[in-house]
Amino acid sequence: FQAEDGIRDKLVTGVQTCALPISDGQVRHYAVHCLCRKPAPGLLRQACAALGCDPAQSWMVGDILDDVEAGRPAGCGTVLVDCGNETEWVGGAARTPDFIVPTLDRAAQVIAAGLPVSPSPPLMTERPC
């Protein structure tokens, strides 16, 4: 994918992190509910507030449905990069992405094309080759 007009540079404009220690959920002390841990939308909302961006003009791109579930209530468009990392495939309206694509480059192309988001089903489903 050859980025035009600096699109690739605009894909990541900041990094937000949760103040709590990262956990795999197996250490009781760290396995806590937090509004900024996926699938909660808190971190995306913090990022939009910090960057002054409109969530409706923003995208959550991820490789698992928890990413999609975080993006939807934050008001972002959602793209699932189906690279084999999602293992549960538990569906639902909040976990239905706007687009499913096989690669991150393809996600960038879809976003750059300015396609509209859709409540369900995904407008485009492309499986890995």
Protein backbone atom coordinates (compact mmCIF):
# COMPACT_ATOMS: atom_id res chain seq x y z
CA PHE A 1 0.00 0.00 0.00
CA GLN A 2 1.46 3.29 -1.08
CA ALA A 3 0.13 6.01 1.19
CA GLU A 4 -0.90 9.19 -0.58
CA ASP A 5 -1.19 12.63 1.01
CA GLY A 6 0.46 11.43 4.22
CA ILE A 7 -2.35 9.02 5.09
CA ARG A 8 0.03 6.50 6.65
CA ASP A 9 1.46 9.24 8.90
CA LYS A 10 -2.05 10.11 10.09
CA LEU A 11 -2.99 6.55 11.05
CA VAL A 12 -1.35 6.76 14.46
CA THR A 13 -1.36 10.19 16.02
CA GLY A 14 -0.93 9.29 19.67
CA VAL A 15 -0.65 6.53 22.21
CA GLN A 16 -2.89 6.23 25.26
CA THR A 17 -2.27 3.75 28.06
CA CYS A 18 -4.10 2.47 31.09
CA ALA A 19 -2.49 3.48 34.38
CA LEU A 20 -3.08 0.00 35.81
CA PRO A 21 -0.46 -2.73 35.33
CA ILE A 22 -0.96 -4.97 32.32
CA SER A 23 -2.27 -8.38 33.23
CA ASP A 24 -3.27 -11.54 31.49
CA GLY A 25 -6.11 -11.78 33.97
CA GLN A 26 -4.56 -14.57 35.97
CA VAL A 27 -2.99 -12.52 38.76
CA ARG A 28 -5.92 -11.57 40.98
CA HIS A 29 -4.36 -8.27 42.10
CA TYR A 30 -4.12 -7.04 38.49
CA ALA A 31 -7.26 -8.69 37.07
CA VAL A 32 -9.47 -5.70 37.78
CA HIS A 33 -12.29 -4.05 35.87
CA CYS A 34 -11.22 -0.76 34.36
CA LEU A 35 -13.11 1.48 31.93
CA CYS A 36 -9.98 1.94 29.85
CA ARG A 37 -9.34 -1.76 29.25
CA LYS A 38 -10.87 -3.38 26.21
CA PRO A 39 -13.62 -4.10 25.52
CA ALA A 40 -14.58 -0.94 27.44
CA PRO A 41 -14.34 2.25 25.34
CA GLY A 42 -12.63 4.46 27.95
CA LEU A 43 -9.16 4.58 26.41
CA LEU A 44 -10.56 5.50 22.99
CA ARG A 45 -12.65 8.25 24.56
CA GLN A 46 -9.57 9.54 26.41
CA ALA A 47 -7.58 9.55 23.18
CA CYS A 48 -10.27 11.49 21.32
CA ALA A 49 -10.51 14.02 24.15
CA ALA A 50 -6.73 14.44 24.32
CA LEU A 51 -6.38 14.80 20.55
CA GLY A 52 -9.51 16.88 20.07
CA CYS A 53 -10.82 14.49 17.45
CA ASP A 54 -14.36 13.50 16.60
CA PRO A 55 -14.93 9.79 17.33
CA ALA A 56 -17.34 9.64 14.38
CA GLN A 57 -14.37 10.55 12.16
CA SER A 58 -12.06 8.03 13.86
CA TRP A 59 -11.43 4.32 13.48
CA MET A 60 -10.68 1.45 15.81
CA VAL A 61 -8.64 -1.11 13.92
CA GLY A 62 -7.92 -4.34 15.71
CA ASP A 63 -7.32 -8.04 15.35
CA ILE A 64 -9.86 -9.33 17.89
CA LEU A 65 -13.56 -8.66 18.47
CA ASP A 66 -12.81 -6.99 21.84
CA ASP A 67 -11.24 -4.20 19.75
CA VAL A 68 -14.47 -3.86 17.79
CA GLU A 69 -16.49 -3.93 21.01
CA ALA A 70 -14.40 -1.03 22.33
CA GLY A 71 -14.75 0.99 19.14
CA ARG A 72 -18.49 0.80 18.70
CA PRO A 73 -19.60 2.47 21.99
CA ALA A 74 -16.81 5.02 21.60
CA GLY A 75 -18.51 6.08 18.36
CA CYS A 76 -15.69 5.01 16.04
CA GLY A 77 -15.86 3.12 12.79
CA THR A 78 -14.45 -0.39 13.24
CA VAL A 79 -12.23 -2.63 11.15
CA LEU A 80 -11.36 -6.19 12.13
CA VAL A 81 -8.07 -7.39 10.66
CA ASP A 82 -8.73 -11.11 10.45
CA CYS A 83 -5.17 -12.40 10.78
CA GLY A 84 -6.04 -15.40 12.95
CA ASN A 85 -5.78 -13.83 16.41
CA GLU A 86 -9.51 -13.98 17.21
CA THR A 87 -10.16 -17.37 18.78
CA GLU A 88 -13.59 -17.03 20.40
CA TRP A 89 -15.80 -15.47 17.68
CA VAL A 90 -18.54 -14.59 20.17
CA GLY A 91 -20.81 -12.35 18.13
CA GLY A 92 -23.37 -9.69 18.87
CA ALA A 93 -24.27 -6.21 17.68
CA ALA A 94 -21.46 -4.55 19.66
CA ARG A 95 -18.95 -7.04 18.24
CA THR A 96 -19.91 -6.69 14.57
CA PRO A 97 -17.24 -4.69 12.71
CA ASP A 98 -17.98 -2.30 9.89
CA PHE A 99 -15.33 -4.02 7.79
CA ILE A 100 -13.40 -7.29 7.97
CA VAL A 101 -10.13 -7.33 6.04
CA PRO A 102 -7.13 -9.67 5.87
CA THR A 103 -4.28 -7.18 6.43
CA LEU A 104 -3.48 -3.88 8.11
CA ASP A 105 -2.59 -2.38 4.74
CA ARG A 106 -6.06 -3.30 3.47
CA ALA A 107 -7.60 -1.68 6.56
CA ALA A 108 -5.72 1.53 5.72
CA GLN A 109 -7.01 1.37 2.14
CA VAL A 110 -10.61 0.93 3.30
CA ILE A 111 -10.32 3.86 5.71
CA ALA A 112 -8.62 6.05 3.11
CA ALA A 113 -11.40 5.25 0.60
CA GLY A 114 -13.88 6.98 2.92
CA LEU A 115 -16.48 4.22 2.76
CA PRO A 116 -19.47 4.73 5.06
CA VAL A 117 -19.88 2.64 8.19
CA SER A 118 -22.84 0.32 8.54
CA PRO A 119 -24.61 -1.03 11.64
CA SER A 120 -24.56 -4.63 10.33
CA PRO A 121 -23.62 -6.79 8.57
CA PRO A 122 -20.09 -5.72 7.63
CA LEU A 123 -19.97 -3.84 4.31
CA MET A 124 -16.91 -5.75 3.25
CA THR A 125 -15.65 -9.12 4.32
CA GLU A 126 -12.33 -10.22 2.92
CA ARG A 127 -10.77 -13.38 4.27
CA PRO A 128 -7.02 -14.05 4.30
CA CYS A 129 -5.62 -15.68 1.18
